[in-house]
Amino acid sequence: MTVTDAITSYLDHLAVERGTARNTLDGYARDLRRYEQHLAVLGVPTLETVREAHVSAFLAVLRSGTDEHPAPASPKPSAWTWTTSTPPNELCCSTERAANNAWCQSAGQH
């Protein structure tokens, strides 16, 4: 299946079967077309030929940005952070205020 056909099919599925909102569909379409262009530049015509290296290269482009699509701004610090050593079902409380939170204390985070 070509990348274009896969994207079209997926967007149709979201619109018809899932009832996805128009703004969400527009955002998905924009992002998927950008990925499609990236794959075309790399000479990847079908989903079957996409490899991990292609996905990694696209993620690197997203992180570094381009003239047309600047890199996203760094997220603002928040009271909650995920760390690579934190199991997915546990939060790491990262501020003084969070340290006084009853949930953090009961979860053994502080």
C-alpha atoms as a PDB file:
ATOM      1  CA  MET A   1       0.000   0.000   0.000  1.00  0.00           C
ATOM      2  CA  THR A   2       1.369   3.415  -0.882  1.00  0.00           C
ATOM      3  CA  VAL A   3       1.894   5.920   1.897  1.00  0.00           C
ATOM      4  CA  THR A   4      -0.646   8.229   0.243  1.00  0.00           C
ATOM      5  CA  ASP A   5      -3.279   5.469   0.104  1.00  0.00           C
ATOM      6  CA  ALA A   6      -2.657   4.548   3.740  1.00  0.00           C
ATOM      7  CA  ILE A   7      -3.046   8.150   4.876  1.00  0.00           C
ATOM      8  CA  THR A   8      -6.223   8.634   2.868  1.00  0.00           C
ATOM      9  CA  SER A   9      -7.683   5.394   4.196  1.00  0.00           C
ATOM     10  CA  TYR A  10      -6.806   6.269   7.796  1.00  0.00           C
ATOM     11  CA  LEU A  11      -8.286   9.764   7.559  1.00  0.00           C
ATOM     12  CA  ASP A  12     -11.460   8.341   5.986  1.00  0.00           C
ATOM     13  CA  HIS A  13     -11.683   5.831   8.839  1.00  0.00           C
ATOM     14  CA  LEU A  14     -11.356   8.596  11.419  1.00  0.00           C
ATOM     15  CA  ALA A  15     -13.985  10.737   9.723  1.00  0.00           C
ATOM     16  CA  VAL A  16     -16.569   8.081   8.906  1.00  0.00           C
ATOM     17  CA  GLU A  17     -16.227   5.367  11.521  1.00  0.00           C
ATOM     18  CA  ARG A  18     -14.894   7.317  14.477  1.00  0.00           C
ATOM     19  CA  GLY A  19     -16.683  10.628  13.909  1.00  0.00           C
ATOM     20  CA  THR A  20     -13.509  12.586  14.557  1.00  0.00           C
ATOM     21  CA  ALA A  21     -13.913  16.364  14.752  1.00  0.00           C
ATOM     22  CA  ARG A  22     -12.983  18.419  11.677  1.00  0.00           C
ATOM     23  CA  ASN A  23     -10.188  20.345  13.444  1.00  0.00           C
ATOM     24  CA  THR A  24      -8.651  17.090  14.667  1.00  0.00           C
ATOM     25  CA  LEU A  25      -8.831  15.605  11.164  1.00  0.00           C
ATOM     26  CA  ASP A  26      -7.201  18.713   9.714  1.00  0.00           C
ATOM     27  CA  GLY A  27      -4.369  18.474  12.228  1.00  0.00           C
ATOM     28  CA  TYR A  28      -3.846  14.758  11.576  1.00  0.00           C
ATOM     29  CA  ALA A  29      -3.919  15.334   7.814  1.00  0.00           C
ATOM     30  CA  ARG A  30      -1.343  18.130   8.057  1.00  0.00           C
ATOM     31  CA  ASP A  31       1.007  16.027  10.203  1.00  0.00           C
ATOM     32  CA  LEU A  32       0.611  12.879   8.116  1.00  0.00           C
ATOM     33  CA  ARG A  33       1.192  14.767   4.840  1.00  0.00           C
ATOM     34  CA  ARG A  34       4.363  16.193   6.330  1.00  0.00           C
ATOM     35  CA  TYR A  35       5.514  12.660   7.200  1.00  0.00           C
ATOM     36  CA  GLU A  36       4.542  11.535   3.699  1.00  0.00           C
ATOM     37  CA  GLN A  37       6.741  14.278   2.192  1.00  0.00           C
ATOM     38  CA  HIS A  38       9.622  13.231   4.435  1.00  0.00           C
ATOM     39  CA  LEU A  39       9.308   9.615   3.287  1.00  0.00           C
ATOM     40  CA  ALA A  40       9.113  10.709  -0.370  1.00  0.00           C
ATOM     41  CA  VAL A  41      12.387  12.624  -0.027  1.00  0.00           C
ATOM     42  CA  LEU A  42      13.970   9.456   1.370  1.00  0.00           C
ATOM     43  CA  GLY A  43      12.566   7.418  -1.534  1.00  0.00           C
ATOM     44  CA  VAL A  44      10.133   5.390   0.586  1.00  0.00           C
ATOM     45  CA  PRO A  45       6.995   4.778  -1.518  1.00  0.00           C
ATOM     46  CA  THR A  46       5.093   2.175   0.542  1.00  0.00           C
ATOM     47  CA  LEU A  47       4.338   1.401   4.160  1.00  0.00           C
ATOM     48  CA  GLU A  48       6.022  -1.966   3.768  1.00  0.00           C
ATOM     49  CA  THR A  49       9.344  -0.239   3.036  1.00  0.00           C
ATOM     50  CA  VAL A  50       9.272   2.090   6.068  1.00  0.00           C
ATOM     51  CA  ARG A  51      12.034   1.187   8.530  1.00  0.00           C
ATOM     52  CA  GLU A  52      12.904   2.310  12.029  1.00  0.00           C
ATOM     53  CA  ALA A  53      15.651   4.541  10.615  1.00  0.00           C
ATOM     54  CA  HIS A  54      13.046   6.466   8.563  1.00  0.00           C
ATOM     55  CA  VAL A  55      10.911   7.115  11.639  1.00  0.00           C
ATOM     56  CA  SER A  56      13.967   8.112  13.696  1.00  0.00           C
ATOM     57  CA  ALA A  57      15.084  10.526  10.992  1.00  0.00           C
ATOM     58  CA  PHE A  58      11.642  12.151  10.938  1.00  0.00           C
ATOM     59  CA  LEU A  59      11.641  12.511  14.727  1.00  0.00           C
ATOM     60  CA  ALA A  60      15.047  14.188  14.495  1.00  0.00           C
ATOM     61  CA  VAL A  61      13.641  16.658  11.950  1.00  0.00           C
ATOM     62  CA  LEU A  62      10.702  17.388  14.253  1.00  0.00           C
ATOM     63  CA  ARG A  63      13.025  18.011  17.193  1.00  0.00           C
ATOM     64  CA  SER A  64      15.424  20.276  15.289  1.00  0.00           C
ATOM     65  CA  GLY A  65      12.821  21.991  13.088  1.00  0.00           C
ATOM     66  CA  THR A  66      13.119  23.468   9.618  1.00  0.00           C
ATOM     67  CA  ASP A  67      12.670  26.950   8.137  1.00  0.00           C
ATOM     68  CA  GLU A  68       9.074  26.100   7.286  1.00  0.00           C
ATOM     69  CA  HIS A  69       8.367  24.221  10.544  1.00  0.00           C
ATOM     70  CA  PRO A  70      10.401  25.551  13.488  1.00  0.00           C
ATOM     71  CA  ALA A  71      11.105  23.220  16.392  1.00  0.00           C
ATOM     72  CA  PRO A  72       8.471  23.326  19.119  1.00  0.00           C
ATOM     73  CA  ALA A  73       9.212  25.460  22.145  1.00  0.00           C
ATOM     74  CA  SER A  74      10.470  23.669  25.210  1.00  0.00           C
ATOM     75  CA  PRO A  75       7.613  22.757  27.514  1.00  0.00           C
ATOM     76  CA  LYS A  76       7.166  24.819  30.645  1.00  0.00           C
ATOM     77  CA  PRO A  77       8.133  23.058  33.858  1.00  0.00           C
ATOM     78  CA  SER A  78       5.160  21.634  35.696  1.00  0.00           C
ATOM     79  CA  ALA A  79       4.448  20.094  39.056  1.00  0.00           C
ATOM     80  CA  TRP A  80       4.530  16.636  37.474  1.00  0.00           C
ATOM     81  CA  THR A  81       7.343  15.160  35.429  1.00  0.00           C
ATOM     82  CA  TRP A  82       7.952  11.775  33.890  1.00  0.00           C
ATOM     83  CA  THR A  83      11.410  10.329  34.066  1.00  0.00           C
ATOM     84  CA  THR A  84      12.832   7.434  32.093  1.00  0.00           C
ATOM     85  CA  SER A  85      13.353   5.542  35.337  1.00  0.00           C
ATOM     86  CA  THR A  86       9.780   6.106  36.540  1.00  0.00           C
ATOM     87  CA  PRO A  87       7.448   3.162  35.945  1.00  0.00           C
ATOM     88  CA  PRO A  88       4.550   4.261  33.714  1.00  0.00           C
ATOM     89  CA  ASN A  89       2.000   3.941  36.502  1.00  0.00           C
ATOM     90  CA  GLU A  90       3.892   6.142  38.974  1.00  0.00           C
ATOM     91  CA  LEU A  91       4.321   9.902  38.983  1.00  0.00           C
ATOM     92  CA  CYS A  92       7.339  11.712  40.258  1.00  0.00           C
ATOM     93  CA  CYS A  93       6.372  14.833  42.180  1.00  0.00           C
ATOM     94  CA  SER A  94       8.868  17.534  41.310  1.00  0.00           C
ATOM     95  CA  THR A  95       7.946  20.677  43.225  1.00  0.00           C
ATOM     96  CA  GLU A  96       7.738  21.738  46.834  1.00  0.00           C
ATOM     97  CA  ARG A  97       3.994  22.255  46.480  1.00  0.00           C
ATOM     98  CA  ALA A  98       3.584  18.747  45.089  1.00  0.00           C
ATOM     99  CA  ALA A  99       5.631  17.402  47.999  1.00  0.00           C
ATOM    100  CA  ASN A 100       2.850  18.554  50.294  1.00  0.00           C
ATOM    101  CA  ASN A 101       0.187  16.905  48.146  1.00  0.00           C
ATOM    102  CA  ALA A 102      -1.589  14.057  49.956  1.00  0.00           C
ATOM    103  CA  TRP A 103      -1.552  11.838  46.858  1.00  0.00           C
ATOM    104  CA  CYS A 104       2.228  12.122  46.501  1.00  0.00           C
ATOM    105  CA  GLN A 105       2.689  11.277  50.142  1.00  0.00           C
ATOM    106  CA  SER A 106       0.366   8.273  49.988  1.00  0.00           C
ATOM    107  CA  ALA A 107       2.115   7.038  46.827  1.00  0.00           C
ATOM    108  CA  GLY A 108       5.441   7.211  48.634  1.00  0.00           C
ATOM    109  CA  GLN A 109       6.759   9.884  46.286  1.00  0.00           C
ATOM    110  CA  HIS A 110       7.692  12.282  49.126  1.00  0.00           C
END
